[in-house]
Protein backbone atom coordinates (compact mmCIF):
# COMPACT_ATOMS: atom_id res chain seq x y z
CA MET A 1 -40.61 29.14 70.80
CA GLY A 2 -39.24 32.34 72.37
CA VAL A 3 -35.90 32.06 70.53
CA GLU A 4 -37.65 31.59 67.20
CA ASN A 5 -39.88 34.61 67.86
CA ASP A 6 -36.80 36.71 68.71
CA ARG A 7 -35.11 35.64 65.47
CA ILE A 8 -38.19 36.55 63.44
CA ARG A 9 -38.56 39.90 65.24
CA LEU A 10 -34.89 40.79 64.72
CA THR A 11 -35.04 39.80 61.06
CA ALA A 12 -38.10 42.01 60.55
CA GLU A 13 -36.48 44.93 62.39
CA ASN A 14 -33.28 44.57 60.39
CA ALA A 15 -35.29 44.47 57.15
CA GLU A 16 -36.97 47.75 58.14
CA VAL A 17 -33.60 49.41 58.80
CA LEU A 18 -32.20 48.10 55.51
CA ILE A 19 -35.18 49.42 53.55
CA ALA A 20 -34.98 52.76 55.37
CA MET A 21 -31.31 53.05 54.35
CA LEU A 22 -32.16 52.30 50.72
CA GLU A 23 -34.91 54.91 50.82
CA HIS A 24 -32.64 57.52 52.46
CA LYS A 25 -29.99 56.89 49.79
CA LYS A 26 -32.73 57.13 47.13
CA LEU A 27 -31.73 53.80 45.62
CA LYS A 28 -33.99 51.77 43.39
CA TYR A 29 -34.50 48.24 44.64
CA ALA A 30 -36.86 45.30 44.37
CA ILE A 31 -38.08 43.14 47.20
CA ASP A 32 -37.95 39.61 45.80
CA GLU A 33 -39.09 37.95 49.03
CA ARG A 34 -40.35 39.13 52.38
CA SER A 35 -41.46 36.56 54.93
CA ASP A 36 -40.96 35.93 58.63
CA SER A 37 -37.93 33.80 57.90
CA ARG A 38 -36.28 35.62 54.99
CA THR A 39 -36.03 38.96 53.22
CA HIS A 40 -34.39 39.20 49.78
CA ILE A 41 -33.74 42.60 48.21
CA ARG A 42 -32.20 43.08 44.77
CA ILE A 43 -30.38 46.23 43.63
CA HIS A 44 -28.92 46.93 40.17
CA PHE A 45 -25.85 49.12 39.81
CA THR A 46 -23.87 50.24 36.82
CA GLY A 47 -20.23 50.45 37.76
CA GLU A 48 -17.32 51.75 35.72
CA ASP A 49 -17.74 48.95 33.22
CA LEU A 50 -20.11 46.01 33.72
CA PRO A 51 -23.56 46.23 35.29
CA MET A 52 -24.00 44.32 38.53
CA THR A 53 -26.80 43.07 40.70
CA LEU A 54 -26.48 42.90 44.47
CA HIS A 55 -28.70 40.54 46.42
CA ILE A 56 -29.13 41.36 50.10
CA ILE A 57 -30.63 38.50 52.08
CA LEU A 58 -31.64 38.47 55.73
CA ARG A 59 -32.09 34.97 57.19
CA ALA A 60 -33.87 34.44 60.49
CA ASP A 61 -32.58 30.87 60.92
CA LYS A 62 -28.92 31.89 60.88
CA GLN A 63 -29.39 35.54 61.98
CA ILE A 64 -27.25 36.80 59.12
CA CYS A 65 -27.31 39.42 56.44
CA SER A 66 -25.59 38.28 53.26
CA VAL A 67 -24.78 40.43 50.27
CA PHE A 68 -23.83 38.58 47.11
CA SER A 69 -23.34 39.33 43.46
CA LEU A 70 -22.98 36.81 40.66
CA MET A 71 -20.73 37.80 37.75
CA PRO A 72 -22.81 38.34 34.58
CA PHE A 73 -20.76 35.70 32.72
CA LYS A 74 -19.41 32.21 33.35
CA ILE A 75 -15.76 31.27 33.11
CA CYS A 76 -15.20 28.98 30.13
CA GLU A 77 -13.96 25.52 30.95
CA GLU A 78 -10.45 26.02 29.58
CA MET A 79 -9.90 29.14 31.75
CA ARG A 80 -11.23 27.78 35.06
CA ASN A 81 -7.87 26.83 36.55
CA ASP A 82 -6.45 30.30 35.83
CA ALA A 83 -9.64 31.89 37.13
CA ALA A 84 -9.40 29.87 40.36
CA ILE A 85 -5.88 31.24 40.89
CA ALA A 86 -7.12 34.76 40.10
CA VAL A 87 -9.99 34.38 42.60
CA THR A 88 -7.53 33.25 45.26
CA ALA A 89 -5.26 36.23 44.55
CA ALA A 90 -8.19 38.65 44.65
CA ASN A 91 -9.37 37.22 47.98
CA HIS A 92 -5.92 37.55 49.51
CA GLY A 93 -6.13 41.35 49.53
CA LEU A 94 -9.77 41.72 50.58
CA ILE A 95 -10.59 42.86 54.09
CA ASP A 96 -14.32 42.13 53.92
CA GLY A 97 -16.04 39.61 51.68
CA SER A 98 -14.69 37.05 49.25
CA PHE A 99 -15.14 35.65 45.79
CA ASP A 100 -16.23 32.04 45.30
CA MET A 101 -15.90 30.11 42.06
CA ASP A 102 -17.80 26.97 41.15
CA MET A 103 -15.35 24.87 39.13
CA ASP A 104 -18.19 22.82 37.61
CA THR A 105 -20.23 25.73 36.26
CA GLY A 106 -17.66 28.53 35.98
CA GLU A 107 -19.78 30.87 38.08
CA ILE A 108 -18.00 33.47 40.20
CA ARG A 109 -19.83 35.26 42.96
CA PHE A 110 -18.84 37.80 45.56
CA ARG A 111 -20.30 37.47 49.05
CA LEU A 112 -20.08 39.39 52.27
CA THR A 113 -21.90 38.32 55.42
CA SER A 114 -22.62 39.97 58.75
CA CYS A 115 -24.21 38.38 61.79
CA TYR A 116 -27.01 40.15 63.69
CA ILE A 117 -27.58 37.75 66.60
CA GLY A 118 -29.34 39.69 69.35
CA THR A 119 -29.11 43.07 67.64
CA VAL A 120 -30.38 45.35 64.93
CA LEU A 121 -27.76 46.60 62.49
CA THR A 122 -27.53 50.31 61.73
CA GLU A 123 -28.25 52.01 58.43
CA GLU A 124 -24.55 52.85 58.30
CA LEU A 125 -23.55 49.20 58.53
CA PHE A 126 -26.05 48.17 55.85
CA ALA A 127 -24.69 50.96 53.62
CA TYR A 128 -21.15 49.76 54.28
CA LEU A 129 -22.03 46.15 53.41
CA MET A 130 -23.72 47.25 50.20
CA PHE A 131 -21.16 49.79 49.00
CA VAL A 132 -18.10 47.67 49.86
CA SER A 133 -19.69 44.82 47.92
CA ALA A 134 -20.48 47.03 44.93
CA ARG A 135 -17.01 48.58 44.91
CA THR A 136 -15.27 45.21 45.17
CA VAL A 137 -17.37 43.64 42.41
CA ASP A 138 -16.85 46.69 40.19
CA HIS A 139 -13.10 46.55 40.80
CA TYR A 140 -12.75 42.89 39.79
CA ASN A 141 -15.59 42.00 37.40
CA ASP A 142 -13.88 43.42 34.33
CA ARG A 143 -10.61 41.69 35.26
CA PHE A 144 -12.32 38.32 35.61
CA GLU A 145 -14.09 38.89 32.29
CA ALA A 146 -10.84 39.90 30.55
CA LEU A 147 -9.13 36.79 31.91
CA ASN A 148 -12.04 34.69 30.67
CA ASN A 149 -12.07 36.13 27.15
CA GLY A 150 -8.28 36.07 26.79
CA THR A 151 -7.62 39.82 26.69
CA MET A 152 -5.75 39.53 30.01
CA SER A 153 -3.35 36.77 30.99
CA LEU A 154 -3.20 35.29 34.47
CA GLU A 155 0.21 36.96 34.88
CA GLN A 156 -1.28 40.36 34.01
CA PHE A 157 -4.15 39.76 36.46
CA LEU A 158 -1.70 38.87 39.21
CA ASP A 159 0.49 41.90 38.40
CA LEU A 160 -2.52 44.23 38.65
CA ASP A 161 -3.53 42.62 41.92
CA ALA A 162 -0.01 42.99 43.32
CA GLU A 163 -0.10 46.66 42.25
CA ASP A 164 -3.38 47.08 44.18
CA GLU A 165 -1.72 45.59 47.27
CA ARG A 166 1.13 48.11 47.12
CA ARG A 167 -1.30 51.06 47.14
C-alpha cells in the first residue's frame, strides 16, 4: 500500500507544479479530469497555421507525464501509405517526442512522455514538454494536411524534411 500511496502523492504534487507553471505563464487551460490516479489538462493553441490542442496527462499507475496532440484531420485512405512514410521521416529528425499514425483510422498524433518515478518535475520541465510539443505539432501539422489534401507530394514533404535536417 505504501508504493501506491507514494505514486498518488507524487502524481498530485506533479499536478500542482504543472498547474502552477500554466498559471505563471498565464495560459488558459481546462482540467478535464483530476483524481488520485490521473490528471488530464487540455490547452488550446493557435500556431502559425492550424489550431492545436495539447493534452497533458499525469498517470499514477505508470508514473508518467504524457503530452499528446491529435491532428485536427484524418488522413484519407488513399494517402495513408505516403503519410506513414512522412511520419517516419518526421520522426527521424525529432529529438523528443514522436508522431504515431493509425493506419486503420488515418489519425496522426504527436506524443511526448516523461517519467517521474520518485520525483517531482520542475515547472521548467513541464514548460519544455509543453512548448516542444506545441512547436513540433505546429511545424508538421500543415505539412501532413497538405500531403493529405494533395497540395504537397510525398517527395516535397521529404525534401522539406531533409532541408530541416540540414539546418
